Structure formats: structure tokens, C-alpha cells
Amino acid sequence: MTPDDARARNRYYAMSAVNILATAGAVFGLVIAGRSNSWAGSVMGGAIILSSLYMMYVVPRAMARRWKTPAPPEA
């Protein structure tokens, strides 16, 4: 395996880990919202769900964009 292949594999694993963590956060938010006895707990669970969905959408794309752009030349 070449160094470029290893770097691509590690980046793929990092992006997959972000998606797994975001999914776990959304499930955690569902549990909080579902077990809550007050509206404040439901709102907190909903906020966690929304932030997890945002993380699932934005972070992997930002990582891919950052890795796609070439590094600036060193002086």
C-alpha cells in the first residue's frame, strides 16, 4: 500500500467515525426526548438531534473540502 493509499484510507475512516458519532448523538437525543417528563427535556433532546444531524451533514463535507484543496507553497 502506498503512502497516498494509506492516507486516503485513514481519511475515509475519520469521516466514517464522524458519521458514527453523529448518529450516536442523534440516538442519544431521541432517548432524552423520549424519556423526558417535561417540555424542557424534550426541547433539549430535539436540540441534540438537530445538532447531530447538522454535524452529520456539514463536518464530513468540510473535511473532504479541506483535504481536497492543495497546500499553499512553502516559502
C-alpha atoms as a PDB file:
ATOM      1  CA  MET A   1       0.000   0.000   0.000  1.00  0.00           C
ATOM      2  CA  THR A   2       1.406   3.347  -0.997  1.00  0.00           C
ATOM      3  CA  PRO A   3       1.502   6.282   1.433  1.00  0.00           C
ATOM      4  CA  ASP A   4      -1.230   8.028  -0.582  1.00  0.00           C
ATOM      5  CA  ASP A   5      -3.471   4.969  -0.295  1.00  0.00           C
ATOM      6  CA  ALA A   6      -2.875   4.779   3.446  1.00  0.00           C
ATOM      7  CA  ARG A   7      -3.673   8.476   3.845  1.00  0.00           C
ATOM      8  CA  ALA A   8      -6.891   8.086   1.824  1.00  0.00           C
ATOM      9  CA  ARG A   9      -7.885   5.065   3.949  1.00  0.00           C
ATOM     10  CA  ASN A  10      -7.260   6.969   7.186  1.00  0.00           C
ATOM     11  CA  ARG A  11      -9.247   9.953   5.945  1.00  0.00           C
ATOM     12  CA  TYR A  12     -12.130   7.673   4.986  1.00  0.00           C
ATOM     13  CA  TYR A  13     -12.041   6.128   8.457  1.00  0.00           C
ATOM     14  CA  ALA A  14     -12.060   9.595  10.033  1.00  0.00           C
ATOM     15  CA  MET A  15     -15.085  10.663   8.001  1.00  0.00           C
ATOM     16  CA  SER A  16     -16.871   7.407   8.847  1.00  0.00           C
ATOM     17  CA  ALA A  17     -16.099   7.904  12.547  1.00  0.00           C
ATOM     18  CA  VAL A  18     -17.639  11.383  12.423  1.00  0.00           C
ATOM     19  CA  ASN A  19     -20.815   9.937  10.899  1.00  0.00           C
ATOM     20  CA  ILE A  20     -20.976   7.183  13.514  1.00  0.00           C
ATOM     21  CA  LEU A  21     -20.544   9.695  16.351  1.00  0.00           C
ATOM     22  CA  ALA A  22     -23.215  11.957  14.870  1.00  0.00           C
ATOM     23  CA  THR A  23     -25.607   9.022  14.595  1.00  0.00           C
ATOM     24  CA  ALA A  24     -24.910   8.063  18.197  1.00  0.00           C
ATOM     25  CA  GLY A  25     -25.605  11.669  19.210  1.00  0.00           C
ATOM     26  CA  ALA A  26     -28.930  11.620  17.385  1.00  0.00           C
ATOM     27  CA  VAL A  27     -29.926   8.380  19.124  1.00  0.00           C
ATOM     28  CA  PHE A  28     -28.905   9.912  22.459  1.00  0.00           C
ATOM     29  CA  GLY A  29     -31.120  12.911  21.681  1.00  0.00           C
ATOM     30  CA  LEU A  30     -34.013  10.603  20.872  1.00  0.00           C
ATOM     31  CA  VAL A  31     -33.572   8.809  24.177  1.00  0.00           C
ATOM     32  CA  ILE A  32     -33.505  12.094  26.093  1.00  0.00           C
ATOM     33  CA  ALA A  33     -36.565  13.429  24.274  1.00  0.00           C
ATOM     34  CA  GLY A  34     -38.464  10.170  24.644  1.00  0.00           C
ATOM     35  CA  ARG A  35     -37.828   9.703  28.369  1.00  0.00           C
ATOM     36  CA  SER A  36     -38.357  13.316  29.348  1.00  0.00           C
ATOM     37  CA  ASN A  37     -41.267  14.241  31.587  1.00  0.00           C
ATOM     38  CA  SER A  38     -41.028  17.968  30.924  1.00  0.00           C
ATOM     39  CA  TRP A  39     -41.021  20.111  27.840  1.00  0.00           C
ATOM     40  CA  ALA A  40     -37.506  21.380  28.649  1.00  0.00           C
ATOM     41  CA  GLY A  41     -36.098  17.866  28.348  1.00  0.00           C
ATOM     42  CA  SER A  42     -37.909  17.354  25.073  1.00  0.00           C
ATOM     43  CA  VAL A  43     -36.508  20.609  23.739  1.00  0.00           C
ATOM     44  CA  MET A  44     -33.013  19.605  24.865  1.00  0.00           C
ATOM     45  CA  GLY A  45     -33.364  16.237  23.130  1.00  0.00           C
ATOM     46  CA  GLY A  46     -34.600  17.954  19.979  1.00  0.00           C
ATOM     47  CA  ALA A  47     -31.657  20.353  20.054  1.00  0.00           C
ATOM     48  CA  ILE A  48     -29.238  17.438  20.380  1.00  0.00           C
ATOM     49  CA  ILE A  49     -30.916  15.683  17.460  1.00  0.00           C
ATOM     50  CA  LEU A  50     -30.737  18.777  15.269  1.00  0.00           C
ATOM     51  CA  SER A  51     -27.109  19.451  16.126  1.00  0.00           C
ATOM     52  CA  SER A  52     -26.229  15.824  15.399  1.00  0.00           C
ATOM     53  CA  LEU A  53     -27.939  15.972  12.021  1.00  0.00           C
ATOM     54  CA  TYR A  54     -26.106  19.215  11.259  1.00  0.00           C
ATOM     55  CA  MET A  55     -22.824  17.577  12.256  1.00  0.00           C
ATOM     56  CA  MET A  56     -23.612  14.583  10.061  1.00  0.00           C
ATOM     57  CA  TYR A  57     -24.203  16.863   7.071  1.00  0.00           C
ATOM     58  CA  VAL A  58     -21.511  19.528   7.448  1.00  0.00           C
ATOM     59  CA  VAL A  59     -18.420  18.031   9.083  1.00  0.00           C
ATOM     60  CA  PRO A  60     -17.582  15.262   6.562  1.00  0.00           C
ATOM     61  CA  ARG A  61     -18.045  17.682   3.673  1.00  0.00           C
ATOM     62  CA  ALA A  62     -15.799  20.231   5.359  1.00  0.00           C
ATOM     63  CA  MET A  63     -13.164  17.566   5.957  1.00  0.00           C
ATOM     64  CA  ALA A  64     -13.296  16.469   2.312  1.00  0.00           C
ATOM     65  CA  ARG A  65     -13.081  20.052   1.126  1.00  0.00           C
ATOM     66  CA  ARG A  66     -10.099  20.787   3.339  1.00  0.00           C
ATOM     67  CA  TRP A  67      -8.278  17.680   2.150  1.00  0.00           C
ATOM     68  CA  LYS A  68      -9.122  18.384  -1.496  1.00  0.00           C
ATOM     69  CA  THR A  69      -7.595  21.852  -1.648  1.00  0.00           C
ATOM     70  CA  PRO A  70      -3.863  21.853  -2.341  1.00  0.00           C
ATOM     71  CA  ALA A  71      -1.493  23.042   0.329  1.00  0.00           C
ATOM     72  CA  PRO A  72      -0.010  26.515  -0.171  1.00  0.00           C
ATOM     73  CA  PRO A  73       3.580  26.536  -1.359  1.00  0.00           C
ATOM     74  CA  GLU A  74       6.157  26.859   1.368  1.00  0.00           C
ATOM     75  CA  ALA A  75       8.362  29.912   1.267  1.00  0.00           C
END
